[in-house]
Amino acid sequence: MTYVTYPTQYRNYCTFDEKRVSAKVRERESGLGSIQKSLENPKNEEEVLEDLYILNRMLDEGVGGIDKLYPVLSKYNNTQSPNIQTYLAGIYRKTKVPDAFGPLISMLIQNSMNPPENCPFDPNEEIGGAILDYLA
């Protein structure tokens, strides 16, 4: 079971079951296959968010091979979810997969034309930061 608490007006980020996340991060490269399968056929948005959060944490820990998951991550490039956009932008920022640059630009344009409603944070901050990292 996935545990996600969405952002609120008082906290601009999601929270997760840290025991579960830490256990998955400790699996390192051997855990990527199960994350890929989960992202290919998620049960709900919460499962996607948890998987993306785990990938972000793995990147921070120096786990290799996450860039190879771009084909499955790209499935979410057109999402309207500011939470998914933010985690994807963070992953793309760290992996710098060349194919992810265009989707980041699309997300930024999409959000500029149709800003997310009732969102306690601006996903364009992370998306724009990722774009700037690509250009640097």
N, C-alpha and C. Protein backbone atom coordinates (compact mmCIF):
# COMPACT_ATOMS: atom_id res chain seq x y z
N MET A 1 0.84 -1.19 0.00
CA MET A 1 0.00 0.00 0.00
C MET A 1 0.89 1.25 0.00
N THR A 2 0.55 2.20 -0.82
CA THR A 2 1.30 3.43 -0.95
C THR A 2 0.76 4.47 0.02
N TYR A 3 1.67 5.21 0.64
CA TYR A 3 1.27 6.25 1.57
C TYR A 3 1.82 7.59 1.07
N VAL A 4 0.94 8.47 0.64
CA VAL A 4 1.32 9.81 0.18
C VAL A 4 0.38 10.82 0.82
N THR A 5 0.96 11.88 1.34
CA THR A 5 0.16 13.01 1.79
C THR A 5 0.48 14.16 0.83
N TYR A 6 -0.55 14.69 0.23
CA TYR A 6 -0.37 15.76 -0.76
C TYR A 6 -0.03 17.09 -0.09
N PRO A 7 0.54 18.01 -0.88
CA PRO A 7 0.84 19.35 -0.34
C PRO A 7 -0.43 20.05 0.15
N THR A 8 -0.22 20.95 1.09
CA THR A 8 -1.32 21.75 1.62
C THR A 8 -0.91 23.21 1.56
N GLN A 9 -1.79 24.09 2.01
CA GLN A 9 -1.44 25.51 2.04
C GLN A 9 -0.33 25.78 3.05
N TYR A 10 -0.08 24.84 3.96
CA TYR A 10 0.94 25.01 4.99
C TYR A 10 2.22 24.23 4.71
N ARG A 11 2.17 23.31 3.72
CA ARG A 11 3.34 22.49 3.37
C ARG A 11 3.31 22.29 1.86
N ASN A 12 4.33 22.79 1.18
CA ASN A 12 4.28 22.79 -0.29
C ASN A 12 4.96 21.57 -0.92
N TYR A 13 4.93 20.44 -0.27
CA TYR A 13 5.53 19.23 -0.81
C TYR A 13 4.75 18.01 -0.30
N CYS A 14 4.92 16.89 -1.01
CA CYS A 14 4.29 15.63 -0.61
C CYS A 14 5.13 14.98 0.50
N THR A 15 4.49 14.16 1.30
CA THR A 15 5.23 13.33 2.25
C THR A 15 4.91 11.88 1.94
N PHE A 16 5.85 11.01 2.29
CA PHE A 16 5.75 9.60 1.97
C PHE A 16 6.11 8.77 3.21
N ASP A 17 5.85 7.48 3.13
CA ASP A 17 6.25 6.54 4.18
C ASP A 17 7.77 6.38 4.07
N GLU A 18 8.50 7.09 4.91
CA GLU A 18 9.96 7.13 4.79
C GLU A 18 10.61 5.77 5.04
N LYS A 19 10.02 4.92 5.87
CA LYS A 19 10.59 3.58 6.07
C LYS A 19 10.52 2.79 4.76
N ARG A 20 9.39 2.85 4.13
CA ARG A 20 9.19 2.13 2.87
C ARG A 20 10.12 2.70 1.78
N VAL A 21 10.18 4.02 1.69
CA VAL A 21 11.03 4.67 0.69
C VAL A 21 12.49 4.33 0.93
N SER A 22 12.95 4.45 2.15
CA SER A 22 14.35 4.17 2.47
C SER A 22 14.72 2.73 2.15
N ALA A 23 13.82 1.80 2.43
CA ALA A 23 14.07 0.39 2.12
C ALA A 23 14.25 0.21 0.61
N LYS A 24 13.42 0.88 -0.16
CA LYS A 24 13.51 0.78 -1.62
C LYS A 24 14.80 1.43 -2.13
N VAL A 25 15.17 2.57 -1.57
CA VAL A 25 16.40 3.26 -1.98
C VAL A 25 17.62 2.37 -1.70
N ARG A 26 17.59 1.64 -0.59
CA ARG A 26 18.71 0.76 -0.23
C ARG A 26 18.88 -0.39 -1.22
N GLU A 27 17.85 -0.71 -1.98
CA GLU A 27 17.96 -1.76 -2.99
C GLU A 27 18.87 -1.32 -4.15
N ARG A 28 19.05 -0.02 -4.28
CA ARG A 28 19.90 0.56 -5.32
C ARG A 28 19.48 0.06 -6.71
N GLU A 29 20.44 -0.27 -7.57
CA GLU A 29 20.13 -0.66 -8.95
C GLU A 29 19.21 -1.89 -9.03
N SER A 30 19.29 -2.78 -8.07
CA SER A 30 18.46 -3.99 -8.11
C SER A 30 16.98 -3.67 -7.93
N GLY A 31 16.65 -2.49 -7.42
CA GLY A 31 15.26 -2.10 -7.23
C GLY A 31 14.63 -1.40 -8.42
N LEU A 32 15.43 -1.08 -9.43
CA LEU A 32 14.91 -0.32 -10.56
C LEU A 32 13.89 -1.09 -11.38
N GLY A 33 14.04 -2.39 -11.49
CA GLY A 33 13.09 -3.19 -12.27
C GLY A 33 11.68 -3.14 -11.71
N SER A 34 11.56 -3.23 -10.40
CA SER A 34 10.22 -3.19 -9.80
C SER A 34 9.61 -1.79 -9.91
N ILE A 35 10.44 -0.76 -9.86
CA ILE A 35 9.94 0.60 -10.04
C ILE A 35 9.47 0.79 -11.48
N GLN A 36 10.24 0.27 -12.43
CA GLN A 36 9.83 0.36 -13.83
C GLN A 36 8.49 -0.30 -14.04
N LYS A 37 8.31 -1.52 -13.52
CA LYS A 37 7.03 -2.22 -13.68
C LYS A 37 5.89 -1.44 -13.05
N SER A 38 6.14 -0.86 -11.89
CA SER A 38 5.13 -0.08 -11.20
C SER A 38 4.73 1.15 -12.02
N LEU A 39 5.72 1.82 -12.61
CA LEU A 39 5.44 3.01 -13.41
C LEU A 39 4.75 2.66 -14.73
N GLU A 40 4.99 1.46 -15.24
CA GLU A 40 4.34 1.05 -16.48
C GLU A 40 2.84 0.84 -16.28
N ASN A 41 2.45 0.35 -15.10
CA ASN A 41 1.04 0.05 -14.83
C ASN A 41 0.67 0.46 -13.41
N PRO A 42 0.67 1.76 -13.14
CA PRO A 42 0.37 2.20 -11.76
C PRO A 42 -1.11 2.04 -11.43
N LYS A 43 -1.37 1.86 -10.16
CA LYS A 43 -2.75 1.75 -9.69
C LYS A 43 -3.39 3.13 -9.55
N ASN A 44 -2.56 4.15 -9.23
CA ASN A 44 -3.08 5.50 -9.00
C ASN A 44 -1.93 6.50 -9.02
N GLU A 45 -2.28 7.77 -8.90
CA GLU A 45 -1.27 8.83 -8.92
C GLU A 45 -0.32 8.71 -7.72
N GLU A 46 -0.84 8.28 -6.59
CA GLU A 46 0.00 8.16 -5.40
C GLU A 46 1.15 7.18 -5.63
N GLU A 47 0.88 6.10 -6.34
CA GLU A 47 1.93 5.13 -6.64
C GLU A 47 2.99 5.74 -7.55
N VAL A 48 2.56 6.51 -8.54
CA VAL A 48 3.50 7.19 -9.43
C VAL A 48 4.36 8.17 -8.63
N LEU A 49 3.73 8.96 -7.78
CA LEU A 49 4.47 9.93 -6.98
C LEU A 49 5.51 9.25 -6.10
N GLU A 50 5.11 8.17 -5.44
CA GLU A 50 6.06 7.48 -4.58
C GLU A 50 7.24 6.93 -5.39
N ASP A 51 6.96 6.34 -6.55
CA ASP A 51 8.04 5.83 -7.40
C ASP A 51 8.98 6.94 -7.85
N LEU A 52 8.41 8.07 -8.24
CA LEU A 52 9.25 9.20 -8.68
C LEU A 52 10.08 9.74 -7.52
N TYR A 53 9.48 9.80 -6.34
CA TYR A 53 10.21 10.25 -5.16
C TYR A 53 11.37 9.30 -4.85
N ILE A 54 11.11 8.00 -4.96
CA ILE A 54 12.17 7.01 -4.72
C ILE A 54 13.29 7.19 -5.74
N LEU A 55 12.95 7.40 -7.01
CA LEU A 55 13.98 7.62 -8.03
C LEU A 55 14.79 8.87 -7.72
N ASN A 56 14.13 9.94 -7.29
CA ASN A 56 14.85 11.16 -6.91
C ASN A 56 15.83 10.88 -5.78
N ARG A 57 15.38 10.15 -4.78
CA ARG A 57 16.24 9.80 -3.66
C ARG A 57 17.40 8.91 -4.10
N MET A 58 17.12 7.98 -5.00
CA MET A 58 18.18 7.12 -5.53
C MET A 58 19.23 7.93 -6.26
N LEU A 59 18.78 8.91 -7.04
CA LEU A 59 19.73 9.78 -7.74
C LEU A 59 20.61 10.51 -6.74
N ASP A 60 20.02 10.98 -5.65
CA ASP A 60 20.80 11.66 -4.62
C ASP A 60 21.83 10.73 -3.99
N GLU A 61 21.53 9.44 -3.98
CA GLU A 61 22.43 8.43 -3.41
C GLU A 61 23.44 7.90 -4.43
N GLY A 62 23.39 8.40 -5.65
CA GLY A 62 24.34 7.98 -6.67
C GLY A 62 24.02 6.68 -7.37
N VAL A 63 22.77 6.25 -7.31
CA VAL A 63 22.36 5.03 -7.99
C VAL A 63 22.42 5.26 -9.50
N GLY A 64 23.02 4.35 -10.21
CA GLY A 64 23.15 4.47 -11.65
C GLY A 64 22.02 3.78 -12.39
N GLY A 65 21.87 4.11 -13.66
CA GLY A 65 20.90 3.44 -14.51
C GLY A 65 19.53 4.07 -14.57
N ILE A 66 19.31 5.11 -13.79
CA ILE A 66 17.98 5.73 -13.77
C ILE A 66 17.69 6.43 -15.10
N ASP A 67 18.72 6.92 -15.75
CA ASP A 67 18.53 7.56 -17.06
C ASP A 67 17.95 6.57 -18.07
N LYS A 68 18.20 5.29 -17.88
CA LYS A 68 17.67 4.26 -18.80
C LYS A 68 16.16 4.08 -18.65
N LEU A 69 15.58 4.63 -17.59
CA LEU A 69 14.14 4.53 -17.38
C LEU A 69 13.37 5.62 -18.13
N TYR A 70 14.08 6.46 -18.89
CA TYR A 70 13.38 7.55 -19.59
C TYR A 70 12.19 7.07 -20.42
N PRO A 71 12.29 5.95 -21.16
CA PRO A 71 11.12 5.54 -21.95
C PRO A 71 9.85 5.35 -21.11
N VAL A 72 9.97 4.84 -19.91
CA VAL A 72 8.77 4.68 -19.08
C VAL A 72 8.41 6.00 -18.39
N LEU A 73 9.40 6.80 -18.02
CA LEU A 73 9.12 8.10 -17.41
C LEU A 73 8.42 9.03 -18.40
N SER A 74 8.78 8.91 -19.67
CA SER A 74 8.22 9.80 -20.69
C SER A 74 6.71 9.62 -20.82
N LYS A 75 6.20 8.52 -20.34
CA LYS A 75 4.75 8.28 -20.35
C LYS A 75 4.01 9.39 -19.60
N TYR A 76 4.69 10.04 -18.67
CA TYR A 76 4.08 11.07 -17.82
C TYR A 76 4.41 12.49 -18.27
N ASN A 77 5.09 12.64 -19.39
CA ASN A 77 5.51 13.98 -19.83
C ASN A 77 4.36 14.94 -20.08
N ASN A 78 3.20 14.44 -20.43
CA ASN A 78 2.05 15.31 -20.73
C ASN A 78 1.06 15.40 -19.57
N THR A 79 1.48 15.02 -18.40
CA THR A 79 0.57 15.03 -17.25
C THR A 79 0.14 16.45 -16.89
N GLN A 80 -1.04 16.54 -16.33
CA GLN A 80 -1.54 17.81 -15.81
C GLN A 80 -1.22 17.95 -14.32
N SER A 81 -0.74 16.88 -13.69
CA SER A 81 -0.47 16.88 -12.26
C SER A 81 0.78 17.69 -11.93
N PRO A 82 0.63 18.78 -11.17
CA PRO A 82 1.82 19.56 -10.80
C PRO A 82 2.77 18.76 -9.93
N ASN A 83 2.26 17.80 -9.16
CA ASN A 83 3.14 16.97 -8.32
C ASN A 83 4.02 16.08 -9.18
N ILE A 84 3.41 15.40 -10.15
CA ILE A 84 4.19 14.54 -11.05
C ILE A 84 5.16 15.38 -11.87
N GLN A 85 4.72 16.52 -12.37
CA GLN A 85 5.60 17.40 -13.14
C GLN A 85 6.84 17.78 -12.33
N THR A 86 6.63 18.11 -11.07
CA THR A 86 7.73 18.56 -10.23
C THR A 86 8.75 17.45 -10.02
N TYR A 87 8.27 16.23 -9.73
CA TYR A 87 9.21 15.13 -9.53
C TYR A 87 9.90 14.74 -10.83
N LEU A 88 9.16 14.74 -11.94
CA LEU A 88 9.79 14.45 -13.23
C LEU A 88 10.88 15.47 -13.54
N ALA A 89 10.58 16.74 -13.34
CA ALA A 89 11.57 17.79 -13.62
C ALA A 89 12.82 17.57 -12.76
N GLY A 90 12.63 17.17 -11.52
CA GLY A 90 13.78 16.91 -10.65
C GLY A 90 14.62 15.75 -11.16
N ILE A 91 13.97 14.70 -11.63
CA ILE A 91 14.69 13.55 -12.19
C ILE A 91 15.41 13.96 -13.47
N TYR A 92 14.71 14.66 -14.35
CA TYR A 92 15.33 15.09 -15.60
C TYR A 92 16.49 16.04 -15.34
N ARG A 93 16.36 16.86 -14.35
CA ARG A 93 17.42 17.81 -13.99
C ARG A 93 18.68 17.06 -13.58
N LYS A 94 18.51 15.95 -12.88
CA LYS A 94 19.66 15.19 -12.37
C LYS A 94 20.23 14.24 -13.41
N THR A 95 19.40 13.71 -14.30
CA THR A 95 19.89 12.75 -15.29
C THR A 95 20.30 13.43 -16.60
N LYS A 96 19.70 14.56 -16.89
CA LYS A 96 19.95 15.31 -18.13
C LYS A 96 19.84 14.44 -19.38
N VAL A 97 18.83 13.58 -19.42
CA VAL A 97 18.56 12.79 -20.61
C VAL A 97 18.18 13.78 -21.72
N PRO A 98 18.90 13.78 -22.84
CA PRO A 98 18.63 14.77 -23.89
C PRO A 98 17.18 14.82 -24.35
N ASP A 99 16.53 13.68 -24.43
CA ASP A 99 15.14 13.64 -24.92
C ASP A 99 14.16 14.32 -23.97
N ALA A 100 14.56 14.58 -22.74
CA ALA A 100 13.64 15.17 -21.76
C ALA A 100 13.55 16.69 -21.86
N PHE A 101 14.46 17.32 -22.59
CA PHE A 101 14.47 18.78 -22.67
C PHE A 101 13.18 19.31 -23.31
N GLY A 102 12.78 18.77 -24.42
CA GLY A 102 11.55 19.21 -25.10
C GLY A 102 10.32 19.09 -24.22
N PRO A 103 10.12 17.94 -23.56
CA PRO A 103 8.97 17.83 -22.66
C PRO A 103 8.99 18.83 -21.51
N LEU A 104 10.17 19.18 -21.02
CA LEU A 104 10.24 20.21 -19.96
C LEU A 104 9.73 21.55 -20.50
N ILE A 105 10.13 21.90 -21.72
CA ILE A 105 9.66 23.14 -22.34
C ILE A 105 8.14 23.08 -22.51
N SER A 106 7.63 21.93 -22.95
CA SER A 106 6.17 21.77 -23.12
C SER A 106 5.43 21.93 -21.80
N MET A 107 5.97 21.35 -20.73
CA MET A 107 5.33 21.50 -19.41
C MET A 107 5.27 22.97 -19.00
N LEU A 108 6.37 23.68 -19.22
CA LEU A 108 6.43 25.09 -18.86
C LEU A 108 5.39 25.90 -19.64
N ILE A 109 5.31 25.66 -20.93
CA ILE A 109 4.33 26.36 -21.78
C ILE A 109 2.91 26.00 -21.36
N GLN A 110 2.67 24.70 -21.16
CA GLN A 110 1.33 24.23 -20.75
C GLN A 110 0.90 24.91 -19.45
N ASN A 111 1.79 24.97 -18.49
CA ASN A 111 1.46 25.58 -17.20
C ASN A 111 1.32 27.10 -17.29
N SER A 112 2.01 27.70 -18.24
CA SER A 112 1.88 29.14 -18.42
C SER A 112 0.53 29.48 -19.05
N MET A 113 0.08 28.63 -19.95
CA MET A 113 -1.21 28.86 -20.61
C MET A 113 -2.38 28.45 -19.73
N ASN A 114 -2.20 27.39 -18.94
CA ASN A 114 -3.25 26.87 -18.06
C ASN A 114 -2.64 26.58 -16.69
N PRO A 115 -2.46 27.60 -15.87
CA PRO A 115 -1.82 27.39 -14.56
C PRO A 115 -2.60 26.39 -13.70
N PRO A 116 -1.86 25.53 -13.00
CA PRO A 116 -2.55 24.58 -12.11
C PRO A 116 -3.37 25.33 -11.07
N GLU A 117 -4.58 24.86 -10.85
CA GLU A 117 -5.46 25.51 -9.88
C GLU A 117 -5.33 24.84 -8.53
N ASN A 118 -5.54 25.62 -7.48
CA ASN A 118 -5.52 25.11 -6.11
C ASN A 118 -4.24 24.33 -5.79
N CYS A 119 -3.14 24.81 -6.30
CA CYS A 119 -1.85 24.16 -6.07
C CYS A 119 -1.04 25.07 -5.13
N PRO A 120 -0.59 24.54 -3.98
CA PRO A 120 0.10 25.38 -3.01
C PRO A 120 1.57 25.67 -3.35
N PHE A 121 1.99 25.32 -4.57
CA PHE A 121 3.36 25.60 -5.00
C PHE A 121 3.34 25.82 -6.51
N ASP A 122 4.44 26.33 -7.03
CA ASP A 122 4.53 26.58 -8.47
C ASP A 122 5.45 25.53 -9.10
N PRO A 123 4.88 24.56 -9.83
CA PRO A 123 5.73 23.54 -10.44
C PRO A 123 6.72 24.12 -11.44
N ASN A 124 6.41 25.31 -11.97
CA ASN A 124 7.31 25.92 -12.95
C ASN A 124 8.65 26.30 -12.35
N GLU A 125 8.73 26.42 -11.03
CA GLU A 125 10.04 26.70 -10.42
C GLU A 125 10.99 25.54 -10.66
N GLU A 126 10.54 24.32 -10.43
CA GLU A 126 11.39 23.14 -10.65
C GLU A 126 11.59 22.89 -12.14
N ILE A 127 10.53 23.06 -12.92
CA ILE A 127 10.64 22.85 -14.36
C ILE A 127 11.63 23.85 -14.96
N GLY A 128 11.49 25.13 -14.59
CA GLY A 128 12.40 26.16 -15.09
C GLY A 128 13.83 25.92 -14.64
N GLY A 129 14.00 25.47 -13.41
CA GLY A 129 15.33 25.17 -12.91
C GLY A 129 15.97 24.03 -13.69
N ALA A 130 15.17 23.02 -14.02
CA ALA A 130 15.69 21.91 -14.80
C ALA A 130 16.11 22.39 -16.20
N ILE A 131 15.28 23.24 -16.80
CA ILE A 131 15.61 23.79 -18.11
C ILE A 131 16.92 24.57 -18.06
N LEU A 132 17.06 25.41 -17.03
CA LEU A 132 18.31 26.18 -16.88
C LEU A 132 19.52 25.28 -16.71
N ASP A 133 19.37 24.17 -15.97
CA ASP A 133 20.48 23.23 -15.83
C ASP A 133 20.85 22.60 -17.16
N TYR A 134 19.85 22.31 -17.97
CA TYR A 134 20.15 21.76 -19.31
C TYR A 134 20.94 22.77 -20.14
N LEU A 135 20.58 24.05 -20.00
CA LEU A 135 21.22 25.08 -20.82
C LEU A 135 22.60 25.47 -20.30
N ALA A 136 22.87 25.17 -19.04
CA ALA A 136 24.14 25.62 -18.43
C ALA A 136 25.35 24.93 -19.01
